[in-house]
Amino acid sequence: MTLRQAITDAANQLAADEHIRATSARDAELLLLHLLQISRANLFAYSERELPADQQTAYQSLVERRLQHEPIQYITGQQEFYGLNFHVTPAVLIPRPETEHLVEAVLKLLPSNHSLKIADIGTGSGAIAIALAAHLPQAEIIALDISLDALAVASTNARENNVADRIRFLQSDLLSAINEEEEFDAIVSNPPYIPEIDRDSLHPQVRDHEPVTALFAGETGLDIYRCLIPQSYKALKQNGLLALEIGYGQQGPLTELLAGWQNISFIEDLQQIPRVALARKP
């Protein structure tokens, strides 16, 4: 069996599953690239090369994992975010393109040539904190998460992206572990915001594989915001920035929860869904 034949067979297997049919060809290719540790250019240049029997077996094992709806990112252990590479495990939410809108908004609003103190709440893989550190060379960032396993992944990613010296990782339930005297120029977060009532409608690769504590936030998806917003108000400096990723239909409720804040605004994602809430402490 050649590399080309192997990919074709794998893609056909994956296409038989309605949940992964749309990405079956891409997934088949990515799995083989991961197994062989070669570039896409090499794959196409040597597509008629024979795939040894042991590698055929290993490849089929990866395909079977994908057929169980295990995300590609967990199988390969990698995900790109904001131009950086991140190690991911089932202990952390997979970084998504939508969250890049949050990073982009914060970078536009914060000065790159000033000392800054930033807190990233629920850091997970560290994607937001690390992306900000890479573009704000004078920023000191505290990345908090309730999960020690997630913090271990984030610490590894900070080292591999050469920003570990400017990020402090701390186990904390939201901001509870922060000293009351500590103040921040900005607090950022991509918190859990999916309503419990939407659980059954989620894609199985999300519902069955990503950490539930990073996904769901009560019946309406607002539970974390109700705690995080007042905590952030206390911890921010005057005119400090709060930047939150939000879910579908949450602009109205977030506007109410941010009553008393200034310069409240929302940024839409590429599907014109309000995805980022921004506000300043008076």
C-alpha atoms as a PDB file:
ATOM      1  CA  MET A   1       0.000   0.000   0.000  1.00  0.00           C
ATOM      2  CA  THR A   2       1.376   3.406  -1.013  1.00  0.00           C
ATOM      3  CA  LEU A   3       1.076   6.572   1.042  1.00  0.00           C
ATOM      4  CA  ARG A   4      -1.526   7.854  -1.390  1.00  0.00           C
ATOM      5  CA  GLN A   5      -3.574   4.652  -1.099  1.00  0.00           C
ATOM      6  CA  ALA A   6      -3.325   4.731   2.686  1.00  0.00           C
ATOM      7  CA  ILE A   7      -4.704   8.262   2.850  1.00  0.00           C
ATOM      8  CA  THR A   8      -7.505   7.432   0.413  1.00  0.00           C
ATOM      9  CA  ASP A   9      -8.556   4.360   2.406  1.00  0.00           C
ATOM     10  CA  ALA A  10      -8.427   6.278   5.699  1.00  0.00           C
ATOM     11  CA  ALA A  11     -10.418   9.175   4.267  1.00  0.00           C
ATOM     12  CA  ASN A  12     -13.100   6.776   3.054  1.00  0.00           C
ATOM     13  CA  GLN A  13     -13.358   5.213   6.518  1.00  0.00           C
ATOM     14  CA  LEU A  14     -13.659   8.595   8.172  1.00  0.00           C
ATOM     15  CA  ALA A  15     -16.176   9.866   5.612  1.00  0.00           C
ATOM     16  CA  ALA A  16     -18.557   7.088   6.632  1.00  0.00           C
ATOM     17  CA  ASP A  17     -19.055   8.882   9.964  1.00  0.00           C
ATOM     18  CA  GLU A  18     -21.440  11.821   9.600  1.00  0.00           C
ATOM     19  CA  HIS A  19     -19.781  13.718  12.435  1.00  0.00           C
ATOM     20  CA  ILE A  20     -16.355  13.828  10.779  1.00  0.00           C
ATOM     21  CA  ARG A  21     -17.246  13.479   7.102  1.00  0.00           C
ATOM     22  CA  ALA A  22     -16.585  17.151   6.352  1.00  0.00           C
ATOM     23  CA  THR A  23     -12.964  16.908   7.515  1.00  0.00           C
ATOM     24  CA  SER A  24     -12.262  13.304   6.538  1.00  0.00           C
ATOM     25  CA  ALA A  25      -9.659  14.035   3.822  1.00  0.00           C
ATOM     26  CA  ARG A  26      -7.848  16.599   5.952  1.00  0.00           C
ATOM     27  CA  ASP A  27      -7.911  14.331   8.996  1.00  0.00           C
ATOM     28  CA  ALA A  28      -6.534  11.358   7.069  1.00  0.00           C
ATOM     29  CA  GLU A  29      -3.664  13.467   5.789  1.00  0.00           C
ATOM     30  CA  LEU A  30      -2.876  15.010   9.194  1.00  0.00           C
ATOM     31  CA  LEU A  31      -2.804  11.625  10.888  1.00  0.00           C
ATOM     32  CA  LEU A  32      -0.323  10.240   8.380  1.00  0.00           C
ATOM     33  CA  LEU A  33       1.866  13.334   8.600  1.00  0.00           C
ATOM     34  CA  HIS A  34       1.882  12.924  12.365  1.00  0.00           C
ATOM     35  CA  LEU A  35       2.750   9.229  12.181  1.00  0.00           C
ATOM     36  CA  LEU A  36       5.568   9.662   9.684  1.00  0.00           C
ATOM     37  CA  GLN A  37       6.765  13.006  11.067  1.00  0.00           C
ATOM     38  CA  ILE A  38       7.173  14.451   7.585  1.00  0.00           C
ATOM     39  CA  SER A  39       6.070  17.671   5.913  1.00  0.00           C
ATOM     40  CA  ARG A  40       3.100  17.940   3.584  1.00  0.00           C
ATOM     41  CA  ALA A  41       5.492  18.705   0.734  1.00  0.00           C
ATOM     42  CA  ASN A  42       7.356  15.444   1.367  1.00  0.00           C
ATOM     43  CA  LEU A  43       4.109  13.541   1.570  1.00  0.00           C
ATOM     44  CA  PHE A  44       3.104  14.646  -1.903  1.00  0.00           C
ATOM     45  CA  ALA A  45       6.612  14.301  -3.333  1.00  0.00           C
ATOM     46  CA  TYR A  46       6.794  10.654  -2.223  1.00  0.00           C
ATOM     47  CA  SER A  47       3.120   9.724  -2.319  1.00  0.00           C
ATOM     48  CA  GLU A  48       3.857   6.507  -4.261  1.00  0.00           C
ATOM     49  CA  ARG A  49       6.262   5.267  -1.595  1.00  0.00           C
ATOM     50  CA  GLU A  50       5.219   2.030   0.066  1.00  0.00           C
ATOM     51  CA  LEU A  51       3.959   2.244   3.646  1.00  0.00           C
ATOM     52  CA  PRO A  52       5.474  -0.671   5.623  1.00  0.00           C
ATOM     53  CA  ALA A  53       3.102  -3.105   7.325  1.00  0.00           C
ATOM     54  CA  ASP A  54       3.956  -1.939  10.848  1.00  0.00           C
ATOM     55  CA  GLN A  55       3.231   1.650   9.908  1.00  0.00           C
ATOM     56  CA  GLN A  56      -0.007   0.600   8.227  1.00  0.00           C
ATOM     57  CA  THR A  57      -1.063  -0.932  11.546  1.00  0.00           C
ATOM     58  CA  ALA A  58      -0.040   2.167  13.477  1.00  0.00           C
ATOM     59  CA  TYR A  59      -1.879   4.399  11.022  1.00  0.00           C
ATOM     60  CA  GLN A  60      -5.052   2.350  11.299  1.00  0.00           C
ATOM     61  CA  SER A  61      -4.842   2.702  15.070  1.00  0.00           C
ATOM     62  CA  LEU A  62      -4.813   6.489  14.714  1.00  0.00           C
ATOM     63  CA  VAL A  63      -7.762   6.333  12.317  1.00  0.00           C
ATOM     64  CA  GLU A  64      -9.697   4.217  14.827  1.00  0.00           C
ATOM     65  CA  ARG A  65      -9.089   6.829  17.500  1.00  0.00           C
ATOM     66  CA  ARG A  66     -10.465   9.496  15.183  1.00  0.00           C
ATOM     67  CA  LEU A  67     -13.491   7.310  14.480  1.00  0.00           C
ATOM     68  CA  GLN A  68     -14.178   7.448  18.218  1.00  0.00           C
ATOM     69  CA  HIS A  69     -14.381  11.242  17.698  1.00  0.00           C
ATOM     70  CA  GLU A  70     -11.172  11.912  19.559  1.00  0.00           C
ATOM     71  CA  PRO A  71     -10.053  15.354  18.357  1.00  0.00           C
ATOM     72  CA  ILE A  72      -7.128  15.451  15.937  1.00  0.00           C
ATOM     73  CA  GLN A  73      -5.351  17.828  18.307  1.00  0.00           C
ATOM     74  CA  TYR A  74      -5.362  15.310  21.140  1.00  0.00           C
ATOM     75  CA  ILE A  75      -4.124  12.557  18.829  1.00  0.00           C
ATOM     76  CA  THR A  76      -1.259  14.652  17.488  1.00  0.00           C
ATOM     77  CA  GLY A  77      -0.770  16.574  20.733  1.00  0.00           C
ATOM     78  CA  GLN A  78      -0.451  19.872  18.862  1.00  0.00           C
ATOM     79  CA  GLN A  79      -2.492  22.941  17.962  1.00  0.00           C
ATOM     80  CA  GLU A  80      -1.503  26.246  16.385  1.00  0.00           C
ATOM     81  CA  PHE A  81      -2.820  29.456  17.948  1.00  0.00           C
ATOM     82  CA  TYR A  82      -2.017  33.045  17.019  1.00  0.00           C
ATOM     83  CA  GLY A  83       1.038  31.939  15.051  1.00  0.00           C
ATOM     84  CA  LEU A  84       2.447  29.858  17.910  1.00  0.00           C
ATOM     85  CA  ASN A  85       2.519  26.106  18.466  1.00  0.00           C
ATOM     86  CA  PHE A  86       0.921  24.626  21.571  1.00  0.00           C
ATOM     87  CA  HIS A  87       1.072  21.226  23.181  1.00  0.00           C
ATOM     88  CA  VAL A  88      -2.440  20.033  24.099  1.00  0.00           C
ATOM     89  CA  THR A  89      -3.768  17.104  26.111  1.00  0.00           C
ATOM     90  CA  PRO A  90      -7.284  16.105  27.247  1.00  0.00           C
ATOM     91  CA  ALA A  91      -6.578  18.172  30.394  1.00  0.00           C
ATOM     92  CA  VAL A  92      -7.025  21.399  28.428  1.00  0.00           C
ATOM     93  CA  LEU A  93      -9.509  22.941  26.053  1.00  0.00           C
ATOM     94  CA  ILE A  94      -8.223  22.985  22.478  1.00  0.00           C
ATOM     95  CA  PRO A  95      -7.345  26.584  21.485  1.00  0.00           C
ATOM     96  CA  ARG A  96      -9.737  27.850  18.847  1.00  0.00           C
ATOM     97  CA  PRO A  97      -9.542  30.540  16.144  1.00  0.00           C
ATOM     98  CA  GLU A  98     -12.433  32.424  17.786  1.00  0.00           C
ATOM     99  CA  THR A  99     -10.251  33.102  20.826  1.00  0.00           C
ATOM    100  CA  GLU A 100      -7.720  34.869  18.609  1.00  0.00           C
ATOM    101  CA  HIS A 101     -10.248  37.723  18.418  1.00  0.00           C
ATOM    102  CA  LEU A 102      -9.822  38.159  22.172  1.00  0.00           C
ATOM    103  CA  VAL A 103      -6.029  38.295  21.926  1.00  0.00           C
ATOM    104  CA  GLU A 104      -6.190  40.701  18.995  1.00  0.00           C
ATOM    105  CA  ALA A 105      -8.571  43.032  20.840  1.00  0.00           C
ATOM    106  CA  VAL A 106      -6.399  43.118  23.958  1.00  0.00           C
ATOM    107  CA  LEU A 107      -3.252  43.825  21.935  1.00  0.00           C
ATOM    108  CA  LYS A 108      -4.973  46.762  20.247  1.00  0.00           C
ATOM    109  CA  LEU A 109      -6.017  48.262  23.571  1.00  0.00           C
ATOM    110  CA  LEU A 110      -2.844  47.778  25.623  1.00  0.00           C
ATOM    111  CA  PRO A 111       0.427  49.671  24.989  1.00  0.00           C
ATOM    112  CA  SER A 112       3.239  47.382  23.859  1.00  0.00           C
ATOM    113  CA  ASN A 113       5.998  49.627  25.208  1.00  0.00           C
ATOM    114  CA  HIS A 114       4.808  49.940  28.823  1.00  0.00           C
ATOM    115  CA  SER A 115       5.140  47.731  31.888  1.00  0.00           C
ATOM    116  CA  LEU A 116       1.854  45.897  32.352  1.00  0.00           C
ATOM    117  CA  LYS A 117       0.403  43.442  34.814  1.00  0.00           C
ATOM    118  CA  ILE A 118      -2.130  41.043  33.299  1.00  0.00           C
ATOM    119  CA  ALA A 119      -4.127  38.125  34.707  1.00  0.00           C
ATOM    120  CA  ASP A 120      -5.388  35.308  32.486  1.00  0.00           C
ATOM    121  CA  ILE A 121      -8.206  33.463  34.243  1.00  0.00           C
ATOM    122  CA  GLY A 122      -8.716  29.796  33.355  1.00  0.00           C
ATOM    123  CA  THR A 123      -5.554  29.686  31.297  1.00  0.00           C
ATOM    124  CA  GLY A 124      -5.895  26.057  30.164  1.00  0.00           C
ATOM    125  CA  SER A 125      -3.136  25.427  27.623  1.00  0.00           C
ATOM    126  CA  GLY A 126      -1.806  28.930  28.299  1.00  0.00           C
ATOM    127  CA  ALA A 127      -2.723  30.048  24.785  1.00  0.00           C
ATOM    128  CA  ILE A 128      -3.986  33.529  25.674  1.00  0.00           C
ATOM    129  CA  ALA A 129      -1.292  34.299  28.259  1.00  0.00           C
ATOM    130  CA  ILE A 130       1.520  33.074  26.021  1.00  0.00           C
ATOM    131  CA  ALA A 131       0.250  34.893  22.917  1.00  0.00           C
ATOM    132  CA  LEU A 132       0.009  38.116  24.918  1.00  0.00           C
ATOM    133  CA  ALA A 133       3.470  37.624  26.429  1.00  0.00           C
ATOM    134  CA  ALA A 134       4.944  37.053  22.975  1.00  0.00           C
ATOM    135  CA  HIS A 135       3.586  40.418  21.758  1.00  0.00           C
ATOM    136  CA  LEU A 136       3.877  42.470  24.953  1.00  0.00           C
ATOM    137  CA  PRO A 137       7.553  42.148  25.904  1.00  0.00           C
ATOM    138  CA  GLN A 138       7.229  44.317  29.010  1.00  0.00           C
ATOM    139  CA  ALA A 139       4.157  42.565  30.407  1.00  0.00           C
ATOM    140  CA  GLU A 140       4.145  40.458  33.553  1.00  0.00           C
ATOM    141  CA  ILE A 141       1.385  37.870  33.364  1.00  0.00           C
ATOM    142  CA  ILE A 142      -0.217  35.683  36.002  1.00  0.00           C
ATOM    143  CA  ALA A 143      -1.977  32.677  34.481  1.00  0.00           C
ATOM    144  CA  LEU A 144      -4.500  31.009  36.770  1.00  0.00           C
ATOM    145  CA  ASP A 145      -6.368  27.737  36.527  1.00  0.00           C
ATOM    146  CA  ILE A 146      -8.137  25.473  38.981  1.00  0.00           C
ATOM    147  CA  SER A 147      -6.589  22.410  37.294  1.00  0.00           C
ATOM    148  CA  LEU A 148      -3.021  21.426  38.162  1.00  0.00           C
ATOM    149  CA  ASP A 149      -2.908  19.231  35.055  1.00  0.00           C
ATOM    150  CA  ALA A 150      -3.801  22.215  32.888  1.00  0.00           C
ATOM    151  CA  LEU A 151      -1.153  24.351  34.583  1.00  0.00           C
ATOM    152  CA  ALA A 152       1.466  21.697  33.829  1.00  0.00           C
ATOM    153  CA  VAL A 153       0.555  21.820  30.129  1.00  0.00           C
ATOM    154  CA  ALA A 154       0.581  25.625  30.136  1.00  0.00           C
ATOM    155  CA  SER A 155       3.982  25.742  31.834  1.00  0.00           C
ATOM    156  CA  THR A 156       5.430  23.466  29.172  1.00  0.00           C
ATOM    157  CA  ASN A 157       3.992  25.672  26.435  1.00  0.00           C
ATOM    158  CA  ALA A 158       5.427  28.804  28.029  1.00  0.00           C
ATOM    159  CA  ARG A 159       8.901  27.251  28.068  1.00  0.00           C
ATOM    160  CA  GLU A 160       8.649  26.038  24.492  1.00  0.00           C
ATOM    161  CA  ASN A 161       7.517  29.492  23.330  1.00  0.00           C
ATOM    162  CA  ASN A 162      10.300  31.239  25.306  1.00  0.00           C
ATOM    163  CA  VAL A 163       8.080  33.350  27.578  1.00  0.00           C
ATOM    164  CA  ALA A 164       8.251  31.328  30.804  1.00  0.00           C
ATOM    165  CA  ASP A 165      10.293  34.044  32.522  1.00  0.00           C
ATOM    166  CA  ARG A 166       7.357  36.490  32.291  1.00  0.00           C
ATOM    167  CA  ILE A 167       4.422  34.242  33.190  1.00  0.00           C
ATOM    168  CA  ARG A 168       3.655  33.051  36.717  1.00  0.00           C
ATOM    169  CA  PHE A 169       1.345  30.053  36.921  1.00  0.00           C
ATOM    170  CA  LEU A 170      -0.940  29.737  39.912  1.00  0.00           C
ATOM    171  CA  GLN A 171      -3.616  27.259  40.910  1.00  0.00           C
ATOM    172  CA  SER A 172      -6.733  29.255  41.675  1.00  0.00           C
ATOM    173  CA  ASP A 173     -10.515  29.146  41.467  1.00  0.00           C
ATOM    174  CA  LEU A 174     -10.907  32.262  39.323  1.00  0.00           C
ATOM    175  CA  LEU A 175      -9.126  35.067  41.260  1.00  0.00           C
ATOM    176  CA  SER A 176      -9.483  33.561  44.729  1.00  0.00           C
ATOM    177  CA  ALA A 177      -5.738  32.905  45.164  1.00  0.00           C
ATOM    178  CA  ILE A 178      -4.730  36.459  44.269  1.00  0.00           C
ATOM    179  CA  ASN A 179      -3.585  38.728  47.082  1.00  0.00           C
ATOM    180  CA  GLU A 180      -6.164  41.443  47.721  1.00  0.00           C
ATOM    181  CA  GLU A 181      -3.500  44.147  47.383  1.00  0.00           C
ATOM    182  CA  GLU A 182      -2.520  42.980  43.903  1.00  0.00           C
ATOM    183  CA  GLU A 183      -3.867  45.126  41.045  1.00  0.00           C
ATOM    184  CA  PHE A 184      -3.894  44.514  37.301  1.00  0.00           C
ATOM    185  CA  ASP A 185      -3.865  46.631  34.167  1.00  0.00           C
ATOM    186  CA  ALA A 186      -5.929  43.964  32.392  1.00  0.00           C
ATOM    187  CA  ILE A 187      -7.799  40.781  33.188  1.00  0.00           C
ATOM    188  CA  VAL A 188      -8.551  38.417  30.316  1.00  0.00           C
ATOM    189  CA  SER A 189     -10.448  35.161  30.223  1.00  0.00           C
ATOM    190  CA  ASN A 190     -12.002  32.550  27.989  1.00  0.00           C
ATOM    191  CA  PRO A 191     -14.147  30.997  30.720  1.00  0.00           C
ATOM    192  CA  PRO A 192     -16.638  28.147  30.500  1.00  0.00           C
ATOM    193  CA  TYR A 193     -19.803  29.630  28.973  1.00  0.00           C
ATOM    194  CA  ILE A 194     -21.814  26.826  27.360  1.00  0.00           C
ATOM    195  CA  PRO A 195     -25.285  26.325  28.910  1.00  0.00           C
ATOM    196  CA  GLU A 196     -25.916  22.858  30.320  1.00  0.00           C
ATOM    197  CA  ILE A 197     -29.047  22.624  28.190  1.00  0.00           C
ATOM    198  CA  ASP A 198     -26.830  22.665  25.083  1.00  0.00           C
ATOM    199  CA  ARG A 199     -24.737  19.671  26.176  1.00  0.00           C
ATOM    200  CA  ASP A 200     -26.503  17.069  24.038  1.00  0.00           C
ATOM    201  CA  SER A 201     -26.341  19.236  20.908  1.00  0.00           C
ATOM    202  CA  LEU A 202     -22.549  19.607  20.989  1.00  0.00           C
ATOM    203  CA  HIS A 203     -20.345  17.777  18.516  1.00  0.00           C
ATOM    204  CA  PRO A 204     -19.273  14.484  20.160  1.00  0.00           C
ATOM    205  CA  GLN A 205     -15.587  15.343  19.797  1.00  0.00           C
ATOM    206  CA  VAL A 206     -16.217  18.326  22.077  1.00  0.00           C
ATOM    207  CA  ARG A 207     -18.824  16.846  24.417  1.00  0.00           C
ATOM    208  CA  ASP A 208     -17.102  13.503  24.940  1.00  0.00           C
ATOM    209  CA  HIS A 209     -13.428  14.463  24.935  1.00  0.00           C
ATOM    210  CA  GLU A 210     -12.736  18.040  26.026  1.00  0.00           C
ATOM    211  CA  PRO A 211     -12.722  18.857  29.770  1.00  0.00           C
ATOM    212  CA  VAL A 212     -16.269  19.544  30.948  1.00  0.00           C
ATOM    213  CA  THR A 213     -15.039  22.042  33.553  1.00  0.00           C
ATOM    214  CA  ALA A 214     -13.740  24.216  30.702  1.00  0.00           C
ATOM    215  CA  LEU A 215     -16.999  24.041  28.756  1.00  0.00           C
ATOM    216  CA  PHE A 216     -20.128  24.310  30.887  1.00  0.00           C
ATOM    217  CA  ALA A 217     -21.253  27.078  33.233  1.00  0.00           C
ATOM    218  CA  GLY A 218     -24.679  26.293  34.609  1.00  0.00           C
ATOM    219  CA  GLU A 219     -28.110  26.332  33.055  1.00  0.00           C
ATOM    220  CA  THR A 220     -27.627  29.573  31.110  1.00  0.00           C
ATOM    221  CA  GLY A 221     -23.830  29.518  30.710  1.00  0.00           C
ATOM    222  CA  LEU A 222     -23.448  32.653  32.839  1.00  0.00           C
ATOM    223  CA  ASP A 223     -22.395  31.187  36.196  1.00  0.00           C
ATOM    224  CA  ILE A 224     -18.683  31.942  35.817  1.00  0.00           C
ATOM    225  CA  TYR A 225     -19.289  35.491  34.572  1.00  0.00           C
ATOM    226  CA  ARG A 226     -21.430  36.219  37.632  1.00  0.00           C
ATOM    227  CA  CYS A 227     -18.444  35.456  39.872  1.00  0.00           C
ATOM    228  CA  LEU A 228     -15.602  36.621  37.648  1.00  0.00           C
ATOM    229  CA  ILE A 229     -16.903  40.084  36.751  1.00  0.00           C
ATOM    230  CA  PRO A 230     -17.206  41.398  40.345  1.00  0.00           C
ATOM    231  CA  GLN A 231     -13.900  39.746  41.284  1.00  0.00           C
ATOM    232  CA  SER A 232     -12.254  41.471  38.332  1.00  0.00           C
ATOM    233  CA  TYR A 233     -13.721  44.822  39.319  1.00  0.00           C
ATOM    234  CA  LYS A 234     -11.959  44.571  42.685  1.00  0.00           C
ATOM    235  CA  ALA A 235      -8.659  43.413  41.191  1.00  0.00           C
ATOM    236  CA  LEU A 236      -8.306  45.896  38.328  1.00  0.00           C
ATOM    237  CA  LYS A 237      -6.624  49.278  38.496  1.00  0.00           C
ATOM    238  CA  GLN A 238      -8.684  52.348  37.651  1.00  0.00           C
ATOM    239  CA  ASN A 239      -9.395  52.264  33.898  1.00  0.00           C
ATOM    240  CA  GLY A 240      -8.203  48.655  33.881  1.00  0.00           C
ATOM    241  CA  LEU A 241      -9.353  46.484  30.979  1.00  0.00           C
ATOM    242  CA  LEU A 242     -11.604  43.441  31.271  1.00  0.00           C
ATOM    243  CA  ALA A 243     -11.711  41.234  28.158  1.00  0.00           C
ATOM    244  CA  LEU A 244     -13.925  38.147  28.061  1.00  0.00           C
ATOM    245  CA  GLU A 245     -14.771  35.610  25.412  1.00  0.00           C
ATOM    246  CA  ILE A 246     -18.527  35.039  25.313  1.00  0.00           C
ATOM    247  CA  GLY A 247     -20.949  32.643  23.702  1.00  0.00           C
ATOM    248  CA  TYR A 248     -23.887  32.864  21.315  1.00  0.00           C
ATOM    249  CA  GLY A 249     -26.746  35.023  22.597  1.00  0.00           C
ATOM    250  CA  GLN A 250     -24.834  36.295  25.638  1.00  0.00           C
ATOM    251  CA  GLN A 251     -24.293  39.934  24.642  1.00  0.00           C
ATOM    252  CA  GLY A 252     -27.488  41.084  26.373  1.00  0.00           C
ATOM    253  CA  PRO A 253     -26.899  39.281  29.678  1.00  0.00           C
ATOM    254  CA  LEU A 254     -23.230  40.363  29.703  1.00  0.00           C
ATOM    255  CA  THR A 255     -24.262  43.980  29.186  1.00  0.00           C
ATOM    256  CA  GLU A 256     -26.416  43.695  32.317  1.00  0.00           C
ATOM    257  CA  LEU A 257     -23.660  41.984  34.312  1.00  0.00           C
ATOM    258  CA  LEU A 258     -21.266  44.789  33.334  1.00  0.00           C
ATOM    259  CA  ALA A 259     -23.543  47.527  34.671  1.00  0.00           C
ATOM    260  CA  GLY A 260     -21.343  50.091  36.365  1.00  0.00           C
ATOM    261  CA  TRP A 261     -18.407  49.527  34.017  1.00  0.00           C
ATOM    262  CA  GLN A 262     -17.335  51.991  31.318  1.00  0.00           C
ATOM    263  CA  ASN A 263     -16.623  51.725  27.584  1.00  0.00           C
ATOM    264  CA  ILE A 264     -18.530  48.464  27.214  1.00  0.00           C
ATOM    265  CA  SER A 265     -18.202  47.068  23.705  1.00  0.00           C
ATOM    266  CA  PHE A 266     -18.449  43.782  21.839  1.00  0.00           C
ATOM    267  CA  ILE A 267     -16.437  42.344  18.964  1.00  0.00           C
ATOM    268  CA  GLU A 268     -17.960  39.912  16.484  1.00  0.00           C
ATOM    269  CA  ASP A 269     -16.249  36.829  15.102  1.00  0.00           C
ATOM    270  CA  LEU A 270     -16.151  35.908  11.413  1.00  0.00           C
ATOM    271  CA  GLN A 271     -19.727  34.569  11.648  1.00  0.00           C
ATOM    272  CA  GLN A 272     -20.918  37.971  12.969  1.00  0.00           C
ATOM    273  CA  ILE A 273     -21.533  36.467  16.405  1.00  0.00           C
ATOM    274  CA  PRO A 274     -20.551  38.718  19.341  1.00  0.00           C
ATOM    275  CA  ARG A 275     -17.511  36.844  20.671  1.00  0.00           C
ATOM    276  CA  VAL A 276     -15.566  39.280  22.873  1.00  0.00           C
ATOM    277  CA  ALA A 277     -16.852  41.559  25.623  1.00  0.00           C
ATOM    278  CA  LEU A 278     -14.666  44.531  26.582  1.00  0.00           C
ATOM    279  CA  ALA A 279     -15.092  46.941  29.483  1.00  0.00           C
ATOM    280  CA  ARG A 280     -13.087  49.373  31.586  1.00  0.00           C
ATOM    281  CA  LYS A 281     -13.202  49.811  35.346  1.00  0.00           C
ATOM    282  CA  PRO A 282     -14.244  53.401  36.120  1.00  0.00           C
END
